[in-house]
Amino acid sequence: MVRIRGQIGDWPVELTLELEPGEWAQLRGQIAPAEPEPEAQTPRPAIARGDDRTWEAAKAVLQQAGELDGPQLLQRLEALAGSEVAGKRLLVRLRHAAEVKVESAGDAPLYRWQGNAGQG
């Protein structure tokens, strides 16, 4: 089973794909693993150029909303980043960003955009 969550405009979307074992085997046969390129084996810097664009887009999500609770923000970041893990990484970065204030609000933290606080 594969679950895809995201957003189309303001509408949240959740899609679940269920395949039989034979269908998964057929799908695996269609996708041949690529040989890793030599440069892919070298350690990546902590923040690559593509990550910078995603980071800027993540900040823009919160800036445009003004404030979001943690689960709402995580859902949008997962859709933006393309995976749950990448979305969680962005959420952690936002938690520690100078432009963001995080407040305890019941069951979930509330993330508020504060602008360029601390920026010179």
C-alpha atoms as a PDB file:
ATOM      1  CA  MET A   1       0.000   0.000   0.000  1.00  0.00           C
ATOM      2  CA  VAL A   2       1.275   3.470  -0.882  1.00  0.00           C
ATOM      3  CA  ARG A   3      -0.253   6.605   0.596  1.00  0.00           C
ATOM      4  CA  ILE A   4       0.175   9.939  -1.134  1.00  0.00           C
ATOM      5  CA  ARG A   5      -0.824  13.072   0.713  1.00  0.00           C
ATOM      6  CA  GLY A   6      -0.730  16.580  -0.601  1.00  0.00           C
ATOM      7  CA  GLN A   7      -2.712  19.580  -1.546  1.00  0.00           C
ATOM      8  CA  ILE A   8      -4.282  20.958  -4.692  1.00  0.00           C
ATOM      9  CA  GLY A   9      -4.824  24.632  -4.066  1.00  0.00           C
ATOM     10  CA  ASP A  10      -6.583  24.858  -0.711  1.00  0.00           C
ATOM     11  CA  TRP A  11      -7.928  21.292  -0.940  1.00  0.00           C
ATOM     12  CA  PRO A  12      -6.133  18.524   0.946  1.00  0.00           C
ATOM     13  CA  VAL A  13      -5.759  15.336  -1.080  1.00  0.00           C
ATOM     14  CA  GLU A  14      -5.044  11.808   0.134  1.00  0.00           C
ATOM     15  CA  LEU A  15      -4.627   8.931  -2.314  1.00  0.00           C
ATOM     16  CA  THR A  16      -4.065   5.299  -1.362  1.00  0.00           C
ATOM     17  CA  LEU A  17      -2.779   2.753  -3.880  1.00  0.00           C
ATOM     18  CA  GLU A  18      -3.221  -0.920  -3.119  1.00  0.00           C
ATOM     19  CA  LEU A  19      -1.668  -3.503  -5.427  1.00  0.00           C
ATOM     20  CA  GLU A  20      -1.618  -7.281  -5.307  1.00  0.00           C
ATOM     21  CA  PRO A  21       1.800  -8.942  -4.805  1.00  0.00           C
ATOM     22  CA  GLY A  22       1.982  -9.846  -8.500  1.00  0.00           C
ATOM     23  CA  GLU A  23       1.286  -6.239  -9.464  1.00  0.00           C
ATOM     24  CA  TRP A  24       4.084  -5.019  -7.175  1.00  0.00           C
ATOM     25  CA  ALA A  25       6.457  -7.540  -8.784  1.00  0.00           C
ATOM     26  CA  GLN A  26       5.442  -6.315 -12.231  1.00  0.00           C
ATOM     27  CA  LEU A  27       5.983  -2.709 -11.164  1.00  0.00           C
ATOM     28  CA  ARG A  28       9.430  -3.551  -9.734  1.00  0.00           C
ATOM     29  CA  GLY A  29      10.301  -5.180 -13.057  1.00  0.00           C
ATOM     30  CA  GLN A  30       9.412  -1.969 -14.877  1.00  0.00           C
ATOM     31  CA  ILE A  31      11.730   0.101 -12.687  1.00  0.00           C
ATOM     32  CA  ALA A  32      15.340  -0.938 -13.146  1.00  0.00           C
ATOM     33  CA  PRO A  33      17.707   0.391 -10.471  1.00  0.00           C
ATOM     34  CA  ALA A  34      20.072   2.937 -11.950  1.00  0.00           C
ATOM     35  CA  GLU A  35      23.792   2.671 -11.414  1.00  0.00           C
ATOM     36  CA  PRO A  36      24.868   5.383  -8.979  1.00  0.00           C
ATOM     37  CA  GLU A  37      26.957   8.084 -10.560  1.00  0.00           C
ATOM     38  CA  PRO A  38      30.390   8.595  -8.983  1.00  0.00           C
ATOM     39  CA  GLU A  39      29.485  12.065  -7.712  1.00  0.00           C
ATOM     40  CA  ALA A  40      26.352  10.655  -6.026  1.00  0.00           C
ATOM     41  CA  GLN A  41      28.633   8.606  -3.778  1.00  0.00           C
ATOM     42  CA  THR A  42      30.420  11.653  -2.365  1.00  0.00           C
ATOM     43  CA  PRO A  43      28.975  13.234   0.765  1.00  0.00           C
ATOM     44  CA  ARG A  44      26.551  16.058   0.044  1.00  0.00           C
ATOM     45  CA  PRO A  45      26.839  19.388   1.806  1.00  0.00           C
ATOM     46  CA  ALA A  46      24.228  19.887   4.524  1.00  0.00           C
ATOM     47  CA  ILE A  47      22.220  22.264   2.325  1.00  0.00           C
ATOM     48  CA  ALA A  48      22.339  21.866  -1.446  1.00  0.00           C
ATOM     49  CA  ARG A  49      21.082  24.435  -3.959  1.00  0.00           C
ATOM     50  CA  GLY A  50      17.841  22.509  -4.541  1.00  0.00           C
ATOM     51  CA  ASP A  51      17.328  22.420  -0.777  1.00  0.00           C
ATOM     52  CA  ASP A  52      17.715  26.208  -0.673  1.00  0.00           C
ATOM     53  CA  ARG A  53      14.775  26.616  -3.047  1.00  0.00           C
ATOM     54  CA  THR A  54      12.695  24.180  -1.002  1.00  0.00           C
ATOM     55  CA  TRP A  55      13.671  26.003   2.186  1.00  0.00           C
ATOM     56  CA  GLU A  56      12.631  29.358   0.725  1.00  0.00           C
ATOM     57  CA  ALA A  57       9.344  27.825  -0.429  1.00  0.00           C
ATOM     58  CA  ALA A  58       8.770  26.353   3.046  1.00  0.00           C
ATOM     59  CA  LYS A  59       9.261  29.759   4.634  1.00  0.00           C
ATOM     60  CA  ALA A  60       6.875  31.244   2.064  1.00  0.00           C
ATOM     61  CA  VAL A  61       4.182  28.701   3.029  1.00  0.00           C
ATOM     62  CA  LEU A  62       4.211  29.919   6.623  1.00  0.00           C
ATOM     63  CA  GLN A  63       4.658  33.561   5.663  1.00  0.00           C
ATOM     64  CA  GLN A  64       1.588  33.474   3.416  1.00  0.00           C
ATOM     65  CA  ALA A  65      -0.501  31.690   6.045  1.00  0.00           C
ATOM     66  CA  GLY A  66       0.702  33.926   8.875  1.00  0.00           C
ATOM     67  CA  GLU A  67       0.263  31.097  11.362  1.00  0.00           C
ATOM     68  CA  LEU A  68      -0.407  27.362  11.222  1.00  0.00           C
ATOM     69  CA  ASP A  69      -0.570  24.616  13.799  1.00  0.00           C
ATOM     70  CA  GLY A  70       2.091  21.914  13.599  1.00  0.00           C
ATOM     71  CA  PRO A  71       0.011  19.203  11.863  1.00  0.00           C
ATOM     72  CA  GLN A  72      -1.312  21.627   9.214  1.00  0.00           C
ATOM     73  CA  LEU A  73       2.155  22.999   8.546  1.00  0.00           C
ATOM     74  CA  LEU A  74       3.685  19.516   8.397  1.00  0.00           C
ATOM     75  CA  GLN A  75       1.074  18.404   5.869  1.00  0.00           C
ATOM     76  CA  ARG A  76       1.885  21.353   3.609  1.00  0.00           C
ATOM     77  CA  LEU A  77       5.630  20.836   3.987  1.00  0.00           C
ATOM     78  CA  GLU A  78       5.331  17.128   3.151  1.00  0.00           C
ATOM     79  CA  ALA A  79       3.461  18.033  -0.035  1.00  0.00           C
ATOM     80  CA  LEU A  80       6.056  20.666  -0.863  1.00  0.00           C
ATOM     81  CA  ALA A  81       9.079  18.478  -0.161  1.00  0.00           C
ATOM     82  CA  GLY A  82       7.642  15.289  -1.629  1.00  0.00           C
ATOM     83  CA  SER A  83       8.087  13.046   1.396  1.00  0.00           C
ATOM     84  CA  GLU A  84       7.245  12.785   5.070  1.00  0.00           C
ATOM     85  CA  VAL A  85      10.910  12.748   6.105  1.00  0.00           C
ATOM     86  CA  ALA A  86      11.790  15.841   4.066  1.00  0.00           C
ATOM     87  CA  GLY A  87       8.695  17.611   5.393  1.00  0.00           C
ATOM     88  CA  LYS A  88       9.737  16.875   8.984  1.00  0.00           C
ATOM     89  CA  ARG A  89      13.225  18.227   8.293  1.00  0.00           C
ATOM     90  CA  LEU A  90      11.718  21.466   7.011  1.00  0.00           C
ATOM     91  CA  LEU A  91       9.465  21.662  10.077  1.00  0.00           C
ATOM     92  CA  VAL A  92      12.502  21.347  12.368  1.00  0.00           C
ATOM     93  CA  ARG A  93      14.323  24.064  10.420  1.00  0.00           C
ATOM     94  CA  LEU A  94      11.288  26.345  10.707  1.00  0.00           C
ATOM     95  CA  ARG A  95      11.109  25.684  14.452  1.00  0.00           C
ATOM     96  CA  HIS A  96      14.623  27.113  14.806  1.00  0.00           C
ATOM     97  CA  ALA A  97      14.361  29.900  12.207  1.00  0.00           C
ATOM     98  CA  ALA A  98      14.691  33.483  13.481  1.00  0.00           C
ATOM     99  CA  GLU A  99      11.642  34.495  11.420  1.00  0.00           C
ATOM    100  CA  VAL A 100       9.382  31.961  13.144  1.00  0.00           C
ATOM    101  CA  LYS A 101       7.891  31.963  16.625  1.00  0.00           C
ATOM    102  CA  VAL A 102       6.620  28.652  17.994  1.00  0.00           C
ATOM    103  CA  GLU A 103       4.072  28.695  20.809  1.00  0.00           C
ATOM    104  CA  SER A 104       2.481  25.886  22.767  1.00  0.00           C
ATOM    105  CA  ALA A 105      -1.198  25.799  21.868  1.00  0.00           C
ATOM    106  CA  GLY A 106      -3.020  22.803  23.316  1.00  0.00           C
ATOM    107  CA  ASP A 107      -2.214  19.540  21.585  1.00  0.00           C
ATOM    108  CA  ALA A 108      -0.080  21.015  18.785  1.00  0.00           C
ATOM    109  CA  PRO A 109       2.457  23.835  18.600  1.00  0.00           C
ATOM    110  CA  LEU A 110       1.469  26.990  16.741  1.00  0.00           C
ATOM    111  CA  TYR A 111       3.974  28.310  14.186  1.00  0.00           C
ATOM    112  CA  ARG A 112       3.780  32.083  13.568  1.00  0.00           C
ATOM    113  CA  TRP A 113       5.647  34.044  10.926  1.00  0.00           C
ATOM    114  CA  GLN A 114       7.481  36.956  12.590  1.00  0.00           C
ATOM    115  CA  GLY A 115       9.213  38.368   9.512  1.00  0.00           C
ATOM    116  CA  ASN A 116      12.921  38.988   9.260  1.00  0.00           C
ATOM    117  CA  ALA A 117      13.492  39.160  12.997  1.00  0.00           C
ATOM    118  CA  GLY A 118      17.158  38.966  13.811  1.00  0.00           C
ATOM    119  CA  GLN A 119      18.185  39.633  10.201  1.00  0.00           C
ATOM    120  CA  GLY A 120      20.510  42.535   9.535  1.00  0.00           C
END
